[in-house]
Amino acid sequence: MLELGGHIKLNGFHNVDPPSMIVIKKIVGNYVKRFQEEAPSFQELLLDLTDPSGENIRIYAQLTGAKTCQAEGSDVNLFFAIDKVLSQIMNEVKKER
């Protein structure tokens, strides 16, 4: 499991190539900034890459804070899959405000 900044944990990303990891870190980092603004009780974000070898890449995300939000999604593109699940969580966070 990779830890980024203490608040972000990436599970199953050990086989992702370094250039893609740079993009992933940027995407996740931008969402985390927004989570911190929208949900001051934000504690941790967990992303779990469950099926990197299949036709569709599956991502599970969990945001913990005052309340736990979860999302799951898939796409043929890793970046789009990450964006989908994180935008679902952002929508949940905004609803609860």
C-alpha atoms as a PDB file:
ATOM      1  CA  MET A   1       0.000   0.000   0.000  1.00  0.00           C
ATOM      2  CA  LEU A   2       1.292   3.444  -0.956  1.00  0.00           C
ATOM      3  CA  GLU A   3       0.727   6.387   1.368  1.00  0.00           C
ATOM      4  CA  LEU A   4       0.671   9.928   0.065  1.00  0.00           C
ATOM      5  CA  GLY A   5       0.875  12.698   2.622  1.00  0.00           C
ATOM      6  CA  GLY A   6      -0.622  10.706   5.471  1.00  0.00           C
ATOM      7  CA  HIS A   7      -4.235  11.262   4.387  1.00  0.00           C
ATOM      8  CA  ILE A   8      -4.184   9.251   1.159  1.00  0.00           C
ATOM      9  CA  LYS A   9      -3.710   5.489   0.788  1.00  0.00           C
ATOM     10  CA  LEU A  10      -3.442   3.734  -2.567  1.00  0.00           C
ATOM     11  CA  ASN A  11      -3.869  -0.034  -2.575  1.00  0.00           C
ATOM     12  CA  GLY A  12      -3.102  -2.167  -5.646  1.00  0.00           C
ATOM     13  CA  PHE A  13      -1.207   0.569  -7.496  1.00  0.00           C
ATOM     14  CA  HIS A  14       2.235  -1.070  -7.196  1.00  0.00           C
ATOM     15  CA  ASN A  15       2.242  -2.182 -10.874  1.00  0.00           C
ATOM     16  CA  VAL A  16       1.296   1.230 -12.289  1.00  0.00           C
ATOM     17  CA  ASP A  17       4.103   2.792 -14.322  1.00  0.00           C
ATOM     18  CA  PRO A  18       5.856   5.884 -12.862  1.00  0.00           C
ATOM     19  CA  PRO A  19       4.564   8.431 -15.432  1.00  0.00           C
ATOM     20  CA  SER A  20       0.982   7.294 -14.790  1.00  0.00           C
ATOM     21  CA  MET A  21       1.555   7.529 -11.027  1.00  0.00           C
ATOM     22  CA  ILE A  22       2.497  11.194 -11.420  1.00  0.00           C
ATOM     23  CA  VAL A  23      -0.841  11.880 -13.126  1.00  0.00           C
ATOM     24  CA  ILE A  24      -2.721   9.810 -10.520  1.00  0.00           C
ATOM     25  CA  LYS A  25      -1.093  11.743  -7.679  1.00  0.00           C
ATOM     26  CA  LYS A  26      -2.122  15.038  -9.303  1.00  0.00           C
ATOM     27  CA  ILE A  27      -5.737  13.908  -9.820  1.00  0.00           C
ATOM     28  CA  VAL A  28      -6.059  12.526  -6.293  1.00  0.00           C
ATOM     29  CA  GLY A  29      -4.279  15.513  -4.739  1.00  0.00           C
ATOM     30  CA  ASN A  30      -6.656  17.972  -6.404  1.00  0.00           C
ATOM     31  CA  TYR A  31      -9.689  16.037  -5.169  1.00  0.00           C
ATOM     32  CA  VAL A  32      -8.266  15.827  -1.643  1.00  0.00           C
ATOM     33  CA  LYS A  33      -7.876  19.621  -1.553  1.00  0.00           C
ATOM     34  CA  ARG A  34     -11.522  19.944  -2.519  1.00  0.00           C
ATOM     35  CA  PHE A  35     -12.573  17.326   0.060  1.00  0.00           C
ATOM     36  CA  GLN A  36     -10.752  19.282   2.761  1.00  0.00           C
ATOM     37  CA  GLU A  37     -12.585  22.454   1.733  1.00  0.00           C
ATOM     38  CA  GLU A  38     -16.012  20.811   1.510  1.00  0.00           C
ATOM     39  CA  ALA A  39     -15.695  18.463   4.507  1.00  0.00           C
ATOM     40  CA  PRO A  40     -13.562  19.901   7.317  1.00  0.00           C
ATOM     41  CA  SER A  41     -13.852  16.571   9.160  1.00  0.00           C
ATOM     42  CA  PHE A  42     -11.974  14.798   6.329  1.00  0.00           C
ATOM     43  CA  GLN A  43      -9.521  12.243   7.741  1.00  0.00           C
ATOM     44  CA  GLU A  44      -8.478   9.780   5.046  1.00  0.00           C
ATOM     45  CA  LEU A  45      -8.998   8.707   1.450  1.00  0.00           C
ATOM     46  CA  LEU A  46      -8.460   5.086   0.433  1.00  0.00           C
ATOM     47  CA  LEU A  47      -8.309   4.084  -3.234  1.00  0.00           C
ATOM     48  CA  ASP A  48      -8.262   0.399  -4.058  1.00  0.00           C
ATOM     49  CA  LEU A  49      -7.380  -0.756  -7.578  1.00  0.00           C
ATOM     50  CA  THR A  50      -9.093  -4.138  -7.657  1.00  0.00           C
ATOM     51  CA  ASP A  51      -8.714  -5.409 -11.222  1.00  0.00           C
ATOM     52  CA  PRO A  52      -5.862  -3.754 -13.138  1.00  0.00           C
ATOM     53  CA  SER A  53      -5.438  -6.643 -15.587  1.00  0.00           C
ATOM     54  CA  GLY A  54      -9.039  -6.941 -16.780  1.00  0.00           C
ATOM     55  CA  GLU A  55     -10.719  -5.216 -19.696  1.00  0.00           C
ATOM     56  CA  ASN A  56     -12.316  -2.682 -17.335  1.00  0.00           C
ATOM     57  CA  ILE A  57     -10.257  -1.212 -14.518  1.00  0.00           C
ATOM     58  CA  ARG A  58     -12.185  -1.289 -11.225  1.00  0.00           C
ATOM     59  CA  ILE A  59     -11.619   1.288  -8.507  1.00  0.00           C
ATOM     60  CA  TYR A  60     -13.091   1.390  -5.014  1.00  0.00           C
ATOM     61  CA  ALA A  61     -12.825   4.607  -2.988  1.00  0.00           C
ATOM     62  CA  GLN A  62     -13.591   5.348   0.644  1.00  0.00           C
ATOM     63  CA  LEU A  63     -13.487   8.747   2.308  1.00  0.00           C
ATOM     64  CA  THR A  64     -13.529   8.772   6.088  1.00  0.00           C
ATOM     65  CA  GLY A  65     -14.360  11.683   8.303  1.00  0.00           C
ATOM     66  CA  ALA A  66     -17.427  12.517  10.370  1.00  0.00           C
ATOM     67  CA  LYS A  67     -19.250  10.196   7.986  1.00  0.00           C
ATOM     68  CA  THR A  68     -17.843   7.542   5.639  1.00  0.00           C
ATOM     69  CA  CYS A  69     -18.533   7.865   1.904  1.00  0.00           C
ATOM     70  CA  GLN A  70     -17.877   5.043  -0.527  1.00  0.00           C
ATOM     71  CA  ALA A  71     -17.941   4.737  -4.299  1.00  0.00           C
ATOM     72  CA  GLU A  72     -17.044   2.134  -6.857  1.00  0.00           C
ATOM     73  CA  GLY A  73     -16.584   2.387 -10.591  1.00  0.00           C
ATOM     74  CA  SER A  74     -14.835   1.041 -13.624  1.00  0.00           C
ATOM     75  CA  ASP A  75     -13.553   2.231 -16.963  1.00  0.00           C
ATOM     76  CA  VAL A  76     -11.077   1.074 -19.596  1.00  0.00           C
ATOM     77  CA  ASN A  77      -8.938   4.113 -18.721  1.00  0.00           C
ATOM     78  CA  LEU A  78      -7.383   4.225 -15.233  1.00  0.00           C
ATOM     79  CA  PHE A  79      -7.534   8.019 -15.015  1.00  0.00           C
ATOM     80  CA  PHE A  80     -11.213   8.134 -15.967  1.00  0.00           C
ATOM     81  CA  ALA A  81     -12.028   5.374 -13.465  1.00  0.00           C
ATOM     82  CA  ILE A  82     -10.338   7.333 -10.658  1.00  0.00           C
ATOM     83  CA  ASP A  83     -12.094  10.542 -11.681  1.00  0.00           C
ATOM     84  CA  LYS A  84     -15.483   8.780 -11.745  1.00  0.00           C
ATOM     85  CA  VAL A  85     -15.262   7.400  -8.214  1.00  0.00           C
ATOM     86  CA  LEU A  86     -13.797  10.576  -6.739  1.00  0.00           C
ATOM     87  CA  SER A  87     -16.483  12.734  -8.366  1.00  0.00           C
ATOM     88  CA  GLN A  88     -19.152  10.386  -6.934  1.00  0.00           C
ATOM     89  CA  ILE A  89     -17.675  10.892  -3.482  1.00  0.00           C
ATOM     90  CA  MET A  90     -17.495  14.653  -4.031  1.00  0.00           C
ATOM     91  CA  ASN A  91     -21.194  14.664  -4.902  1.00  0.00           C
ATOM     92  CA  GLU A  92     -21.984  12.779  -1.672  1.00  0.00           C
ATOM     93  CA  VAL A  93     -19.866  15.193   0.370  1.00  0.00           C
ATOM     94  CA  LYS A  94     -21.645  18.179  -1.178  1.00  0.00           C
ATOM     95  CA  LYS A  95     -25.073  16.635  -0.463  1.00  0.00           C
ATOM     96  CA  GLU A  96     -24.244  16.278   3.210  1.00  0.00           C
ATOM     97  CA  ARG A  97     -23.152  19.866   3.649  1.00  0.00           C
END
